[in-house]
PDB file of N, CA and C in Angstrom:
ATOM      1  N   MET A   1      19.665 -11.884   0.908  1.00  0.00           N
ATOM      2  CA  MET A   1      18.522 -12.237   0.796  1.00  0.00           C
ATOM      3  C   MET A   1      18.574 -10.739   2.534  1.00  0.00           C
ATOM      4  N   ALA A   2      19.107 -10.728   3.320  1.00  0.00           N
ATOM      5  CA  ALA A   2      18.753  -9.524   4.550  1.00  0.00           C
ATOM      6  C   ALA A   2      18.384  -7.631   3.691  1.00  0.00           C
ATOM      7  N   SER A   3      19.518  -8.028   2.781  1.00  0.00           N
ATOM      8  CA  SER A   3      19.154  -6.826   1.793  1.00  0.00           C
ATOM      9  C   SER A   3      17.189  -6.262   1.088  1.00  0.00           C
ATOM     10  N   SER A   4      17.570  -7.717   0.532  1.00  0.00           N
ATOM     11  CA  SER A   4      15.909  -7.708   0.058  1.00  0.00           C
ATOM     12  C   SER A   4      14.292  -7.569   0.777  1.00  0.00           C
ATOM     13  N   LEU A   5      15.077  -7.833   1.670  1.00  0.00           N
ATOM     14  CA  LEU A   5      14.432  -7.984   3.210  1.00  0.00           C
ATOM     15  C   LEU A   5      13.905  -6.755   4.025  1.00  0.00           C
ATOM     16  N   SER A   6      15.558  -6.207   3.529  1.00  0.00           N
ATOM     17  CA  SER A   6      15.117  -4.594   4.842  1.00  0.00           C
ATOM     18  C   SER A   6      14.740  -3.393   3.063  1.00  0.00           C
ATOM     19  N   SER A   7      14.942  -3.547   1.614  1.00  0.00           N
ATOM     20  CA  SER A   7      13.690  -2.998   1.302  1.00  0.00           C
ATOM     21  C   SER A   7      12.125  -3.065   1.164  1.00  0.00           C
ATOM     22  N   THR A   8      12.439  -4.531   1.427  1.00  0.00           N
ATOM     23  CA  THR A   8      10.624  -4.588   1.271  1.00  0.00           C
ATOM     24  C   THR A   8      10.194  -3.649   2.292  1.00  0.00           C
ATOM     25  N   ASN A   9      10.388  -4.642   3.916  1.00  0.00           N
ATOM     26  CA  ASN A   9      10.028  -2.981   4.667  1.00  0.00           C
ATOM     27  C   ASN A   9      10.182  -2.189   4.625  1.00  0.00           C
ATOM     28  N   THR A  10      11.315  -1.512   3.613  1.00  0.00           N
ATOM     29  CA  THR A  10      11.120   0.122   3.796  1.00  0.00           C
ATOM     30  C   THR A  10      10.489   0.299   2.477  1.00  0.00           C
ATOM     31  N   ASN A  11       9.274   0.024   1.411  1.00  0.00           N
ATOM     32  CA  ASN A  11       9.142  -0.234   0.940  1.00  0.00           C
ATOM     33  C   ASN A  11       7.144  -0.563   1.204  1.00  0.00           C
ATOM     34  N   PHE A  12       6.924  -0.939   2.738  1.00  0.00           N
ATOM     35  CA  PHE A  12       5.748  -0.965   3.247  1.00  0.00           C
ATOM     36  C   PHE A  12       5.236  -0.576   3.934  1.00  0.00           C
ATOM     37  N   GLU A  13       6.608   0.546   4.683  1.00  0.00           N
ATOM     38  CA  GLU A  13       6.513   1.147   5.077  1.00  0.00           C
ATOM     39  C   GLU A  13       5.964   2.963   4.997  1.00  0.00           C
ATOM     40  N   HIS A  14       6.954   2.909   3.720  1.00  0.00           N
ATOM     41  CA  HIS A  14       6.261   3.821   2.278  1.00  0.00           C
ATOM     42  C   HIS A  14       4.672   4.139   2.251  1.00  0.00           C
ATOM     43  N   PHE A  15       4.160   2.513   1.469  1.00  0.00           N
ATOM     44  CA  PHE A  15       3.233   2.439   1.382  1.00  0.00           C
ATOM     45  C   PHE A  15       1.855   2.902   2.512  1.00  0.00           C
ATOM     46  N   GLY A  16       2.109   2.092   3.947  1.00  0.00           N
ATOM     47  CA  GLY A  16       1.552   2.685   4.928  1.00  0.00           C
ATOM     48  C   GLY A  16       1.136   4.255   5.251  1.00  0.00           C
ATOM     49  N   HIS A  17       2.338   5.049   4.893  1.00  0.00           N
ATOM     50  CA  HIS A  17       2.518   6.305   4.956  1.00  0.00           C
ATOM     51  C   HIS A  17       1.748   7.190   4.548  1.00  0.00           C
ATOM     52  N   LYS A  18       1.583   7.123   3.038  1.00  0.00           N
ATOM     53  CA  LYS A  18       1.342   7.789   1.603  1.00  0.00           C
ATOM     54  C   LYS A  18      -0.284   7.015   1.476  1.00  0.00           C
ATOM     55  N   VAL A  19      -0.768   6.078   2.476  1.00  0.00           N
ATOM     56  CA  VAL A  19      -2.349   4.843   2.282  1.00  0.00           C
ATOM     57  C   VAL A  19      -3.247   6.113   3.965  1.00  0.00           C
ATOM     58  N   TYR A  20      -2.310   5.880   5.106  1.00  0.00           N
ATOM     59  CA  TYR A  20      -2.802   7.185   5.642  1.00  0.00           C
ATOM     60  C   TYR A  20      -2.998   8.332   5.458  1.00  0.00           C
ATOM     61  N   SER A  21      -1.423   9.046   4.604  1.00  0.00           N
ATOM     62  CA  SER A  21      -1.684  11.002   4.334  1.00  0.00           C
ATOM     63  C   SER A  21      -2.575  11.221   3.636  1.00  0.00           C
ATOM     64  N   THR A  22      -3.413  10.410   2.384  1.00  0.00           N
ATOM     65  CA  THR A  22      -4.169  10.782   1.800  1.00  0.00           C
ATOM     66  C   THR A  22      -5.604  10.672   2.255  1.00  0.00           C
ATOM     67  N   VAL A  23      -5.544   9.162   3.494  1.00  0.00           N
ATOM     68  CA  VAL A  23      -6.904   8.980   3.868  1.00  0.00           C
ATOM     69  C   VAL A  23      -7.038  10.913   4.516  1.00  0.00           C
ATOM     70  N   SER A  24      -6.179  10.676   5.750  1.00  0.00           N
ATOM     71  CA  SER A  24      -6.314  11.436   7.025  1.00  0.00           C
ATOM     72  C   SER A  24      -6.273  12.938   6.490  1.00  0.00           C
ATOM     73  N   GLN A  25      -5.913  13.305   4.507  1.00  0.00           N
ATOM     74  CA  GLN A  25      -6.963  14.283   4.512  1.00  0.00           C
ATOM     75  C   GLN A  25      -7.861  14.706   3.898  1.00  0.00           C
ATOM     76  N   ASN A  26      -8.347  13.190   3.166  1.00  0.00           N
ATOM     77  CA  ASN A  26      -9.729  13.599   3.371  1.00  0.00           C
ATOM     78  C   ASN A  26     -10.151  13.645   4.491  1.00  0.00           C
ATOM     79  N   ASN A  27      -9.639  13.567   5.211  1.00  0.00           N
ATOM     80  CA  ASN A  27     -11.354  13.055   5.813  1.00  0.00           C
ATOM     81  C   ASN A  27     -10.732  13.832   7.225  1.00  0.00           C
ATOM     82  N   ASN A  28     -11.131  15.118   7.012  1.00  0.00           N
ATOM     83  CA  ASN A  28      -9.847  16.414   7.967  1.00  0.00           C
ATOM     84  C   ASN A  28     -10.939  16.220   9.626  1.00  0.00           C
ATOM     85  N   ASN A  29     -10.942  16.081  11.332  1.00  0.00           N
ATOM     86  CA  ASN A  29     -10.922  16.310  11.933  1.00  0.00           C
ATOM     87  C   ASN A  29     -11.817  14.198  12.645  1.00  0.00           C
ATOM     88  N   GLN A  30     -11.654  13.675  11.559  1.00  0.00           N
ATOM     89  CA  GLN A  30     -12.509  12.278  11.788  1.00  0.00           C
ATOM     90  C   GLN A  30     -11.203  11.836  11.771  1.00  0.00           C
ATOM     91  N   ASN A  31     -11.913  10.395  13.364  1.00  0.00           N
ATOM     92  CA  ASN A  31     -11.154   9.472  13.063  1.00  0.00           C
ATOM     93  C   ASN A  31     -10.830   8.012  12.428  1.00  0.00           C
ATOM     94  N   VAL A  32      -9.017   7.462  11.498  1.00  0.00           N
ATOM     95  CA  VAL A  32      -9.095   7.252  10.889  1.00  0.00           C
ATOM     96  C   VAL A  32      -8.822   5.471  11.314  1.00  0.00           C
ATOM     97  N   PHE A  33      -8.793   4.961  10.822  1.00  0.00           N
ATOM     98  CA  PHE A  33      -8.595   3.098  11.043  1.00  0.00           C
ATOM     99  C   PHE A  33      -8.744   2.365  10.142  1.00  0.00           C
ATOM    100  N   LEU A  34      -7.263   2.138   9.625  1.00  0.00           N
ATOM    101  CA  LEU A  34      -7.098   1.184   8.719  1.00  0.00           C
ATOM    102  C   LEU A  34      -5.946   0.325   8.881  1.00  0.00           C
ATOM    103  N   SER A  35      -5.746  -1.280   7.854  1.00  0.00           N
ATOM    104  CA  SER A  35      -4.791  -1.700   7.895  1.00  0.00           C
ATOM    105  C   SER A  35      -3.896  -1.362   6.344  1.00  0.00           C
ATOM    106  N   PRO A  36      -3.132  -1.036   6.624  1.00  0.00           N
ATOM    107  CA  PRO A  36      -2.307  -1.250   5.183  1.00  0.00           C
ATOM    108  C   PRO A  36      -1.965  -2.074   4.902  1.00  0.00           C
ATOM    109  N   ALA A  37      -1.526  -3.387   5.962  1.00  0.00           N
ATOM    110  CA  ALA A  37      -1.500  -4.848   5.933  1.00  0.00           C
ATOM    111  C   ALA A  37      -2.212  -5.126   4.702  1.00  0.00           C
ATOM    112  N   SER A  38      -3.285  -5.512   5.349  1.00  0.00           N
ATOM    113  CA  SER A  38      -4.945  -5.968   4.021  1.00  0.00           C
ATOM    114  C   SER A  38      -4.961  -5.536   3.031  1.00  0.00           C
ATOM    115  N   ILE A  39      -4.657  -3.235   3.019  1.00  0.00           N
ATOM    116  CA  ILE A  39      -4.604  -2.846   1.558  1.00  0.00           C
ATOM    117  C   ILE A  39      -3.529  -3.728   1.140  1.00  0.00           C
ATOM    118  N   ALA A  40      -1.936  -3.863   1.112  1.00  0.00           N
ATOM    119  CA  ALA A  40      -1.378  -4.012   0.223  1.00  0.00           C
ATOM    120  C   ALA A  40      -1.478  -5.637   0.555  1.00  0.00           C
ATOM    121  N   LEU A  41      -1.689  -6.673   0.638  1.00  0.00           N
ATOM    122  CA  LEU A  41      -2.026  -8.057   0.751  1.00  0.00           C
ATOM    123  C   LEU A  41      -3.776  -7.795  -0.658  1.00  0.00           C
ATOM    124  N   ALA A  42      -4.649  -7.179  -0.494  1.00  0.00           N
ATOM    125  CA  ALA A  42      -5.242  -6.779  -1.206  1.00  0.00           C
ATOM    126  C   ALA A  42      -4.698  -6.548  -2.995  1.00  0.00           C
ATOM    127  N   MET A  43      -4.207  -5.197  -3.048  1.00  0.00           N
ATOM    128  CA  MET A  43      -3.299  -5.495  -4.138  1.00  0.00           C
ATOM    129  C   MET A  43      -2.831  -5.973  -4.548  1.00  0.00           C
ATOM    130  N   ALA A  44      -1.458  -6.812  -3.835  1.00  0.00           N
ATOM    131  CA  ALA A  44      -1.185  -7.943  -3.952  1.00  0.00           C
ATOM    132  C   ALA A  44      -1.593  -8.719  -5.235  1.00  0.00           C
ATOM    133  N   MET A  45      -3.271  -9.795  -4.728  1.00  0.00           N
ATOM    134  CA  MET A  45      -3.835 -10.441  -5.260  1.00  0.00           C
ATOM    135  C   MET A  45      -4.756  -9.964  -6.799  1.00  0.00           C
ATOM    136  N   CYS A  46      -4.492  -8.595  -6.629  1.00  0.00           N
ATOM    137  CA  CYS A  46      -5.360  -8.415  -7.482  1.00  0.00           C
ATOM    138  C   CYS A  46      -4.336  -7.941  -8.898  1.00  0.00           C
ATOM    139  N   THR A  47      -3.326  -7.912  -8.672  1.00  0.00           N
ATOM    140  CA  THR A  47      -1.645  -7.209  -9.428  1.00  0.00           C
ATOM    141  C   THR A  47      -2.256  -8.966 -10.138  1.00  0.00           C
ATOM    142  N   VAL A  48      -1.999 -10.120  -9.359  1.00  0.00           N
ATOM    143  CA  VAL A  48      -2.183 -11.844 -10.468  1.00  0.00           C
ATOM    144  C   VAL A  48      -2.960 -11.768 -11.795  1.00  0.00           C
ATOM    145  N   GLY A  49      -4.487 -10.908 -11.408  1.00  0.00           N
ATOM    146  CA  GLY A  49      -4.705 -11.188 -12.878  1.00  0.00           C
ATOM    147  C   GLY A  49      -5.058  -9.963 -13.602  1.00  0.00           C
ATOM    148  N   ALA A  50      -4.078  -8.966 -13.289  1.00  0.00           N
ATOM    149  CA  ALA A  50      -3.846  -7.063 -14.662  1.00  0.00           C
ATOM    150  C   ALA A  50      -3.578  -8.426 -15.057  1.00  0.00           C
ATOM    151  N   ARG A  51      -3.761  -7.091 -16.163  1.00  0.00           N
ATOM    152  CA  ARG A  51      -2.625  -7.562 -17.126  1.00  0.00           C
ATOM    153  C   ARG A  51      -1.590  -5.843 -17.834  1.00  0.00           C
ATOM    154  N   LYS A  52      -1.577  -6.051 -19.103  1.00  0.00           N
ATOM    155  CA  LYS A  52      -0.895  -4.857 -19.420  1.00  0.00           C
ATOM    156  C   LYS A  52      -0.897  -2.969 -18.538  1.00  0.00           C
ATOM    157  N   GLU A  53      -1.587  -2.027 -18.814  1.00  0.00           N
ATOM    158  CA  GLU A  53      -1.397  -1.591 -18.481  1.00  0.00           C
ATOM    159  C   GLU A  53      -2.577  -0.951 -17.156  1.00  0.00           C
ATOM    160  N   THR A  54      -3.075  -2.401 -17.077  1.00  0.00           N
ATOM    161  CA  THR A  54      -4.061  -2.137 -15.061  1.00  0.00           C
ATOM    162  C   THR A  54      -2.662  -2.240 -14.365  1.00  0.00           C
ATOM    163  N   LEU A  55      -1.960  -3.721 -15.283  1.00  0.00           N
ATOM    164  CA  LEU A  55      -0.355  -3.650 -13.696  1.00  0.00           C
ATOM    165  C   LEU A  55       0.322  -3.052 -14.033  1.00  0.00           C
ATOM    166  N   ASP A  56       0.917  -2.243 -15.032  1.00  0.00           N
ATOM    167  CA  ASP A  56       1.563  -1.163 -14.910  1.00  0.00           C
ATOM    168  C   ASP A  56       1.333  -0.228 -13.870  1.00  0.00           C
ATOM    169  N   GLN A  57      -0.164   0.390 -14.080  1.00  0.00           N
ATOM    170  CA  GLN A  57      -0.633   1.523 -12.423  1.00  0.00           C
ATOM    171  C   GLN A  57      -0.814   0.722 -11.653  1.00  0.00           C
ATOM    172  N   MET A  58      -0.933  -0.001 -11.407  1.00  0.00           N
ATOM    173  CA  MET A  58      -0.919  -0.348  -9.718  1.00  0.00           C
ATOM    174  C   MET A  58       1.049  -1.016  -9.364  1.00  0.00           C
TER     175      MET A  58
END
């Protein structure tokens, strides 16, 4: 179980860093405010209703 939590934490950190990097590149010299946790939660809720190709892309 500890290994699973560690893996989840690592994946979440990677996701947050990638989202921030993408958003900050597109907003040069501007403040960036976002919540990786909220974005991840919204994406998780969307996967519940996604099927086939859409689910694979998510």
